[in-house]
Amino acid sequence: MARKWIETVTGSLEQKKQYRQDPARINGLPEPYLSAAKAMHRYLTYYGGITDGDSLITMFGDLADLWERAAADGTPLREIVGEDPVEFTETFAQTYMDRQWIDKERFRLTQAIEDAERQERK
């Protein structure tokens, strides 16, 4: 019972545990994969805007998987990220975005314009 109450207030304990494991997996990578994965993780933290904890956990887990596989196979970095690492990272993030923080404001803006149009017609 206490666990359920705590998770209601703070979020899933399992998600927190997973969230801590993924950066640890990234920190275990050899160079240059370590630097690339950390840079991508940092960028995703700022860029993402993901509001769903499950999606965030899945994205960071998949990020760790991607770089672990690349390191194991010895795949060159540019074969993964291409010529534009920003584009690659943003495309990677978009596959996990169901809802974003800005969605609420987009809805509000659209509603405000529609309301203003109704007033204009009166």
C-alpha atoms as a PDB file:
ATOM      1  CA  MET A   1       0.000   0.000   0.000  1.00  0.00           C
ATOM      2  CA  ALA A   2       2.769   2.442   0.873  1.00  0.00           C
ATOM      3  CA  ARG A   3       4.538   1.722  -2.422  1.00  0.00           C
ATOM      4  CA  LYS A   4       1.394   2.559  -4.393  1.00  0.00           C
ATOM      5  CA  TRP A   5       0.978   5.826  -2.504  1.00  0.00           C
ATOM      6  CA  ILE A   6       4.641   6.743  -2.976  1.00  0.00           C
ATOM      7  CA  GLU A   7       4.468   5.957  -6.713  1.00  0.00           C
ATOM      8  CA  THR A   8       1.340   8.096  -7.016  1.00  0.00           C
ATOM      9  CA  VAL A   9       3.282  11.033  -5.609  1.00  0.00           C
ATOM     10  CA  THR A  10       6.718  10.474  -7.131  1.00  0.00           C
ATOM     11  CA  GLY A  11       6.107   8.284 -10.179  1.00  0.00           C
ATOM     12  CA  SER A  12       6.995   4.687 -10.899  1.00  0.00           C
ATOM     13  CA  LEU A  13       9.887   3.322  -8.862  1.00  0.00           C
ATOM     14  CA  GLU A  14      10.584   0.836 -11.663  1.00  0.00           C
ATOM     15  CA  GLN A  15      10.919   3.728 -14.145  1.00  0.00           C
ATOM     16  CA  LYS A  16      13.350   5.501 -11.843  1.00  0.00           C
ATOM     17  CA  LYS A  17      15.408   2.319 -11.537  1.00  0.00           C
ATOM     18  CA  GLN A  18      15.450   1.869 -15.332  1.00  0.00           C
ATOM     19  CA  TYR A  19      16.293   5.548 -15.846  1.00  0.00           C
ATOM     20  CA  ARG A  20      19.394   5.126 -13.668  1.00  0.00           C
ATOM     21  CA  GLN A  21      20.454   1.913 -15.441  1.00  0.00           C
ATOM     22  CA  ASP A  22      20.509   3.345 -18.963  1.00  0.00           C
ATOM     23  CA  PRO A  23      23.104   6.081 -18.278  1.00  0.00           C
ATOM     24  CA  ALA A  24      25.168   3.450 -16.442  1.00  0.00           C
ATOM     25  CA  ARG A  25      25.075   1.310 -19.599  1.00  0.00           C
ATOM     26  CA  ILE A  26      26.171   4.299 -21.648  1.00  0.00           C
ATOM     27  CA  ASN A  27      29.007   5.037 -19.205  1.00  0.00           C
ATOM     28  CA  GLY A  28      30.248   1.479 -19.758  1.00  0.00           C
ATOM     29  CA  LEU A  29      30.818   2.042 -23.474  1.00  0.00           C
ATOM     30  CA  PRO A  30      34.310   2.350 -24.945  1.00  0.00           C
ATOM     31  CA  GLU A  31      35.401   5.512 -26.737  1.00  0.00           C
ATOM     32  CA  PRO A  32      34.376   6.973 -29.174  1.00  0.00           C
ATOM     33  CA  TYR A  33      30.920   5.473 -28.581  1.00  0.00           C
ATOM     34  CA  LEU A  34      30.865   6.772 -25.021  1.00  0.00           C
ATOM     35  CA  SER A  35      31.335  10.383 -26.126  1.00  0.00           C
ATOM     36  CA  ALA A  36      28.808  10.095 -28.937  1.00  0.00           C
ATOM     37  CA  ALA A  37      26.168   8.416 -26.755  1.00  0.00           C
ATOM     38  CA  LYS A  38      26.626  10.932 -23.928  1.00  0.00           C
ATOM     39  CA  ALA A  39      26.335  13.834 -26.356  1.00  0.00           C
ATOM     40  CA  MET A  40      23.188  12.366 -27.860  1.00  0.00           C
ATOM     41  CA  HIS A  41      21.706  11.681 -24.408  1.00  0.00           C
ATOM     42  CA  ARG A  42      22.373  15.266 -23.380  1.00  0.00           C
ATOM     43  CA  TYR A  43      20.814  16.634 -26.550  1.00  0.00           C
ATOM     44  CA  LEU A  44      17.735  14.433 -26.135  1.00  0.00           C
ATOM     45  CA  THR A  45      17.334  15.666 -22.577  1.00  0.00           C
ATOM     46  CA  TYR A  46      17.075  19.245 -23.823  1.00  0.00           C
ATOM     47  CA  TYR A  47      15.351  18.635 -27.143  1.00  0.00           C
ATOM     48  CA  GLY A  48      12.890  15.905 -26.319  1.00  0.00           C
ATOM     49  CA  GLY A  49       9.981  17.594 -24.605  1.00  0.00           C
ATOM     50  CA  ILE A  50       8.518  14.140 -24.043  1.00  0.00           C
ATOM     51  CA  THR A  51       5.776  14.221 -21.437  1.00  0.00           C
ATOM     52  CA  ASP A  52       5.215  10.484 -21.061  1.00  0.00           C
ATOM     53  CA  GLY A  53       7.558   8.696 -18.652  1.00  0.00           C
ATOM     54  CA  ASP A  54       7.186   5.339 -20.406  1.00  0.00           C
ATOM     55  CA  SER A  55       8.220   6.863 -23.741  1.00  0.00           C
ATOM     56  CA  LEU A  56      11.191   8.603 -22.147  1.00  0.00           C
ATOM     57  CA  ILE A  57      12.400   5.413 -20.479  1.00  0.00           C
ATOM     58  CA  THR A  58      11.980   3.460 -23.725  1.00  0.00           C
ATOM     59  CA  MET A  59      13.849   6.107 -25.710  1.00  0.00           C
ATOM     60  CA  PHE A  60      16.841   6.169 -23.361  1.00  0.00           C
ATOM     61  CA  GLY A  61      16.888   2.364 -23.208  1.00  0.00           C
ATOM     62  CA  ASP A  62      16.891   2.185 -27.004  1.00  0.00           C
ATOM     63  CA  LEU A  63      19.647   4.792 -27.110  1.00  0.00           C
ATOM     64  CA  ALA A  64      21.807   2.611 -24.861  1.00  0.00           C
ATOM     65  CA  ASP A  65      20.962  -0.438 -27.021  1.00  0.00           C
ATOM     66  CA  LEU A  66      21.919   1.439 -30.202  1.00  0.00           C
ATOM     67  CA  TRP A  67      25.347   2.421 -28.938  1.00  0.00           C
ATOM     68  CA  GLU A  68      26.052  -0.914 -27.253  1.00  0.00           C
ATOM     69  CA  ARG A  69      25.370  -2.695 -30.552  1.00  0.00           C
ATOM     70  CA  ALA A  70      27.474  -0.195 -32.486  1.00  0.00           C
ATOM     71  CA  ALA A  71      30.378  -0.666 -30.079  1.00  0.00           C
ATOM     72  CA  ALA A  72      30.076  -4.462 -30.192  1.00  0.00           C
ATOM     73  CA  ASP A  73      30.031  -4.445 -34.008  1.00  0.00           C
ATOM     74  CA  GLY A  74      32.685  -1.731 -34.358  1.00  0.00           C
ATOM     75  CA  THR A  75      30.343   0.352 -36.526  1.00  0.00           C
ATOM     76  CA  PRO A  76      31.851   3.739 -37.449  1.00  0.00           C
ATOM     77  CA  LEU A  77      30.038   6.665 -35.831  1.00  0.00           C
ATOM     78  CA  ARG A  78      29.085   8.334 -39.102  1.00  0.00           C
ATOM     79  CA  GLU A  79      27.432   5.134 -40.302  1.00  0.00           C
ATOM     80  CA  ILE A  80      25.037   5.588 -37.400  1.00  0.00           C
ATOM     81  CA  VAL A  81      24.464   9.343 -37.215  1.00  0.00           C
ATOM     82  CA  GLY A  82      25.188  10.235 -40.845  1.00  0.00           C
ATOM     83  CA  GLU A  83      26.442  13.642 -41.909  1.00  0.00           C
ATOM     84  CA  ASP A  84      24.040  15.567 -39.665  1.00  0.00           C
ATOM     85  CA  PRO A  85      23.991  14.244 -36.092  1.00  0.00           C
ATOM     86  CA  VAL A  86      21.364  16.837 -35.077  1.00  0.00           C
ATOM     87  CA  GLU A  87      18.950  15.631 -37.738  1.00  0.00           C
ATOM     88  CA  PHE A  88      19.594  12.006 -36.761  1.00  0.00           C
ATOM     89  CA  THR A  89      19.027  12.713 -33.070  1.00  0.00           C
ATOM     90  CA  GLU A  90      15.867  14.738 -33.644  1.00  0.00           C
ATOM     91  CA  THR A  91      14.467  12.046 -35.939  1.00  0.00           C
ATOM     92  CA  PHE A  92      15.351   9.457 -33.282  1.00  0.00           C
ATOM     93  CA  ALA A  93      13.468  11.484 -30.656  1.00  0.00           C
ATOM     94  CA  GLN A  94      10.430  12.068 -32.849  1.00  0.00           C
ATOM     95  CA  THR A  95       9.748   8.355 -33.028  1.00  0.00           C
ATOM     96  CA  TYR A  96       9.056   8.441 -29.275  1.00  0.00           C
ATOM     97  CA  MET A  97       6.986  11.618 -29.151  1.00  0.00           C
ATOM     98  CA  ASP A  98       3.331  10.979 -28.646  1.00  0.00           C
ATOM     99  CA  ARG A  99       2.560  14.199 -26.819  1.00  0.00           C
ATOM    100  CA  GLN A 100       4.740  17.233 -26.194  1.00  0.00           C
ATOM    101  CA  TRP A 101       4.581  20.091 -23.706  1.00  0.00           C
ATOM    102  CA  ILE A 102       3.744  22.508 -26.499  1.00  0.00           C
ATOM    103  CA  ASP A 103       0.669  20.532 -27.589  1.00  0.00           C
ATOM    104  CA  LYS A 104      -1.448  22.192 -24.907  1.00  0.00           C
ATOM    105  CA  GLU A 105      -0.446  25.641 -26.124  1.00  0.00           C
ATOM    106  CA  ARG A 106      -1.019  24.686 -29.760  1.00  0.00           C
ATOM    107  CA  PHE A 107      -4.559  23.677 -28.829  1.00  0.00           C
ATOM    108  CA  ARG A 108      -5.086  26.896 -26.881  1.00  0.00           C
ATOM    109  CA  LEU A 109      -3.828  29.013 -29.778  1.00  0.00           C
ATOM    110  CA  THR A 110      -6.098  27.257 -32.252  1.00  0.00           C
ATOM    111  CA  GLN A 111      -9.076  27.644 -29.918  1.00  0.00           C
ATOM    112  CA  ALA A 112      -8.338  31.343 -29.384  1.00  0.00           C
ATOM    113  CA  ILE A 113      -8.228  31.989 -33.130  1.00  0.00           C
ATOM    114  CA  GLU A 114     -11.460  30.060 -33.660  1.00  0.00           C
ATOM    115  CA  ASP A 115     -13.128  31.991 -30.823  1.00  0.00           C
ATOM    116  CA  ALA A 116     -11.912  35.265 -32.313  1.00  0.00           C
ATOM    117  CA  GLU A 117     -13.320  34.255 -35.702  1.00  0.00           C
ATOM    118  CA  ARG A 118     -16.701  33.551 -34.125  1.00  0.00           C
ATOM    119  CA  GLN A 119     -16.626  37.018 -32.542  1.00  0.00           C
ATOM    120  CA  GLU A 120     -15.698  38.526 -35.895  1.00  0.00           C
ATOM    121  CA  ARG A 121     -18.741  36.963 -37.561  1.00  0.00           C
ATOM    122  CA  LYS A 122     -21.192  38.404 -34.995  1.00  0.00           C
END
